[in-house]
Amino acid sequence: MGRGRQKAKQTKVARQLKYYTPPTDYKALERELGHSGVGTGVVDDPTYDEDPYADLVEWEDDDEDNDTPAR
C-alpha cells in the first residue's frame, strides 16, 4: 500500500507528455531540410532510378529449370 499517490503522479506526468505538442518552428525546419521553395515533388535526376547494386547481381536465365542459385 501507499503507492496510490506515486502512481497517480506518474499517470499525470505520462498524460502530460503524451498530449504535449511543442510549438513547431517551420522556418527552422525548412532551413534544416534545405528546401528552397514549393516544388512538384518529382525527381528529375536520371540516376535516381538506377539500382546502385545492379552490377553486383548475377542473374540466371529464366529458361533453365535449375534450382541452384547463380554464383
Foldseek 3Di string as FASTA:
>chain_A
DPCVVVVVVVVVVVVCVVPDDDDDDVVVVCVVVVPPDDDDPDDPDPCVPPDPCPVVDDDDDPPDPDPDGDD
